[in-house]
Amino acid sequence: MPYPKFKLAILALLAIDVVIYAFVGTLTRFLDAFSWMLLLIIYEMESMEIVFISQAVVSLVRNSLIAVIGWVLLRYFLDNQWLDVTNSALWFVMIILFELKMRWPTIVQKYQPVYNVTNMAVLAGLGIVALIWLLDSAWLDAFDAVLWLVALVVIDLDVFKLEEHKQA
């Protein structure tokens, strides 16, 4: 399967995930999934330099989505949902890493080993959270966590360097 189709398939599965949370999840879980879906699309468009609207509007939407994700983290904390808190906190670290990579690439290059270790630690943490949900028979949460890990690894981190192969 060529990379763009695989990427679209993952995005379609993420959209289905959002719809599922809209019908069977809480408002917090739906907002979490929906905000992340939109944020992923924004990061992807920015990395590909696709522009439909002004950068000021993109920044406003991106920052608003990050604020919603921060609110979701707070809700999980206030509701004592510690696995969700852990998951959200790890994803919030991933936002910081995305922002560093997109906005301050020279800093990332300067501290590349630290950046890479941090990325791997966050990925490992997210994998552990997914495994805990799986072992706890929280199937929807486990599916969601694994799907987002796949999206992160394939789309955002491009660990298989599929973009380079596509351009070659």
Protein backbone atom coordinates (compact mmCIF):
# COMPACT_ATOMS: atom_id res chain seq x y z
CA MET A 1 0.00 0.00 0.00
CA PRO A 2 1.54 3.33 -0.99
CA TYR A 3 2.24 5.73 1.82
CA PRO A 4 -0.38 8.42 1.06
CA LYS A 5 -3.17 5.80 0.96
CA PHE A 6 -1.89 4.28 4.21
CA LYS A 7 -1.86 7.75 5.77
CA LEU A 8 -5.43 8.37 4.58
CA ALA A 9 -6.51 4.98 5.95
CA ILE A 10 -5.12 5.90 9.37
CA LEU A 11 -6.87 9.28 9.24
CA ALA A 12 -10.13 7.54 8.30
CA LEU A 13 -9.76 5.15 11.25
CA LEU A 14 -9.08 8.11 13.54
CA ALA A 15 -12.24 9.81 12.24
CA ILE A 16 -14.23 6.63 12.96
CA ASP A 17 -12.66 6.61 16.43
CA VAL A 18 -13.93 10.17 17.01
CA VAL A 19 -17.44 9.21 15.87
CA ILE A 20 -17.44 6.18 18.18
CA TYR A 21 -16.48 8.39 21.14
CA ALA A 22 -19.25 10.82 20.14
CA PHE A 23 -21.83 8.05 20.55
CA VAL A 24 -20.48 5.87 23.36
CA GLY A 25 -17.96 8.00 25.21
CA THR A 26 -18.14 10.92 27.56
CA LEU A 27 -18.02 14.52 26.37
CA THR A 28 -14.46 14.71 27.70
CA ARG A 29 -13.33 11.68 25.71
CA PHE A 30 -15.05 12.95 22.57
CA LEU A 31 -13.44 16.39 22.88
CA ASP A 32 -10.09 14.71 23.50
CA ALA A 33 -10.33 12.55 20.37
CA PHE A 34 -11.80 15.32 18.21
CA SER A 35 -9.21 17.90 19.28
CA TRP A 36 -6.35 15.52 18.63
CA MET A 37 -7.74 14.63 15.20
CA LEU A 38 -7.91 18.29 14.20
CA LEU A 39 -4.49 19.00 15.71
CA LEU A 40 -2.97 16.11 13.76
CA ILE A 41 -4.44 17.49 10.54
CA ILE A 42 -3.09 20.96 11.32
CA TYR A 43 0.41 19.64 12.07
CA GLU A 44 0.32 17.55 8.92
CA MET A 45 -0.79 20.51 6.79
CA GLU A 46 1.89 22.73 8.34
CA SER A 47 4.62 20.14 7.76
CA MET A 48 3.54 19.79 4.12
CA GLU A 49 3.21 23.58 3.83
CA ILE A 50 -0.43 23.35 2.71
CA VAL A 51 -2.12 26.70 3.21
CA PHE A 52 -5.89 27.23 3.01
CA ILE A 53 -6.19 30.00 5.57
CA SER A 54 -3.90 32.59 7.11
CA GLN A 55 -1.15 31.54 9.49
CA ALA A 56 -2.77 33.68 12.19
CA VAL A 57 -6.00 31.66 11.95
CA VAL A 58 -4.05 28.37 11.93
CA SER A 59 -2.17 29.49 15.06
CA LEU A 60 -5.40 30.50 16.77
CA VAL A 61 -7.08 27.17 15.98
CA ARG A 62 -3.97 25.18 16.95
CA ASN A 63 -3.60 27.04 20.25
CA SER A 64 -7.33 26.63 20.96
CA LEU A 65 -7.09 22.89 20.38
CA ILE A 66 -4.06 22.68 22.67
CA ALA A 67 -6.07 24.56 25.31
CA VAL A 68 -8.94 22.04 24.96
CA ILE A 69 -6.45 19.20 25.34
CA GLY A 70 -5.10 20.90 28.47
CA TRP A 71 -8.67 21.19 29.80
CA VAL A 72 -9.21 17.49 29.09
CA LEU A 73 -6.06 16.66 31.06
CA LEU A 74 -7.39 18.74 33.96
CA ARG A 75 -10.80 16.97 33.80
CA TYR A 76 -9.13 13.57 33.95
CA PHE A 77 -7.08 14.78 36.93
CA LEU A 78 -10.13 16.15 38.76
CA ASP A 79 -12.02 12.91 38.07
CA ASN A 80 -9.10 10.82 39.44
CA GLN A 81 -8.74 8.93 36.15
CA TRP A 82 -5.03 8.33 36.62
CA LEU A 83 -4.40 6.22 33.55
CA ASP A 84 -6.09 8.90 31.43
CA VAL A 85 -4.03 11.57 33.23
CA THR A 86 -0.84 9.65 32.44
CA ASN A 87 -1.87 9.16 28.81
CA SER A 88 -2.86 12.81 28.37
CA ALA A 89 0.30 14.07 30.07
CA LEU A 90 2.45 11.95 27.75
CA TRP A 91 0.56 13.28 24.73
CA PHE A 92 1.00 16.81 26.05
CA VAL A 93 4.77 16.20 26.08
CA MET A 94 4.37 15.09 22.47
CA ILE A 95 2.74 18.45 21.67
CA ILE A 96 5.78 20.18 23.13
CA LEU A 97 8.04 18.02 20.97
CA PHE A 98 5.94 18.76 17.86
CA GLU A 99 6.05 22.48 18.57
CA LEU A 100 9.80 22.40 19.09
CA LYS A 101 10.31 20.52 15.83
CA MET A 102 8.02 22.81 13.84
CA ARG A 103 8.90 26.19 15.34
CA TRP A 104 12.49 25.84 16.58
CA PRO A 105 14.21 23.20 14.43
CA THR A 106 17.66 24.60 15.21
CA ILE A 107 17.13 23.88 18.92
CA VAL A 108 16.00 20.35 18.06
CA GLN A 109 19.10 19.85 15.88
CA LYS A 110 21.36 21.16 18.62
CA TYR A 111 19.88 18.75 21.18
CA GLN A 112 18.93 15.92 18.80
CA PRO A 113 19.99 13.06 21.13
CA VAL A 114 17.90 14.48 24.00
CA TYR A 115 14.99 15.06 21.63
CA ASN A 116 15.22 11.47 20.32
CA VAL A 117 15.44 9.93 23.80
CA THR A 118 12.46 12.01 24.94
CA ASN A 119 10.47 10.89 21.89
CA MET A 120 11.29 7.25 22.55
CA ALA A 121 10.45 7.57 26.27
CA VAL A 122 7.06 9.11 25.44
CA LEU A 123 6.37 6.39 22.86
CA ALA A 124 7.29 3.70 25.40
CA GLY A 125 5.03 5.33 28.00
CA LEU A 126 2.13 5.50 25.55
CA GLY A 127 2.70 1.86 24.64
CA ILE A 128 2.58 0.88 28.32
CA VAL A 129 -0.66 2.80 28.81
CA ALA A 130 -2.18 1.03 25.78
CA LEU A 131 -1.06 -2.33 27.16
CA ILE A 132 -2.61 -1.58 30.56
CA TRP A 133 -5.93 -0.72 28.90
CA LEU A 134 -5.71 -3.92 26.87
CA LEU A 135 -4.99 -6.02 29.99
CA ASP A 136 -7.85 -4.23 31.77
CA SER A 137 -10.22 -5.18 28.90
CA ALA A 138 -10.89 -1.50 28.16
CA TRP A 139 -11.16 -2.36 24.46
CA LEU A 140 -12.16 1.04 23.10
CA ASP A 141 -9.45 2.83 25.05
CA ALA A 142 -6.89 0.21 24.01
CA PHE A 143 -7.95 0.48 20.34
CA ASP A 144 -7.80 4.28 20.55
CA ALA A 145 -4.35 4.22 22.17
CA VAL A 146 -2.90 1.75 19.66
CA LEU A 147 -4.42 3.62 16.72
CA TRP A 148 -2.93 6.91 17.90
CA LEU A 149 0.45 5.26 18.46
CA VAL A 150 0.38 3.96 14.89
CA ALA A 151 -0.61 7.41 13.64
CA LEU A 152 2.21 9.01 15.61
CA VAL A 153 4.85 6.54 14.47
CA VAL A 154 3.83 6.44 10.81
CA ILE A 155 2.52 9.92 10.10
CA ASP A 156 4.20 12.34 12.47
CA LEU A 157 7.51 10.71 13.24
CA ASP A 158 7.77 8.99 9.83
CA VAL A 159 9.98 6.34 11.42
CA PHE A 160 10.03 4.30 8.24
CA LYS A 161 11.15 7.37 6.23
CA LEU A 162 8.27 6.81 3.85
CA GLU A 163 8.23 10.48 2.82
CA GLU A 164 11.85 10.16 1.65
CA HIS A 165 11.00 7.03 -0.37
CA LYS A 166 7.99 8.78 -1.88
CA GLN A 167 10.12 11.75 -2.96
CA ALA A 168 12.90 9.58 -4.40
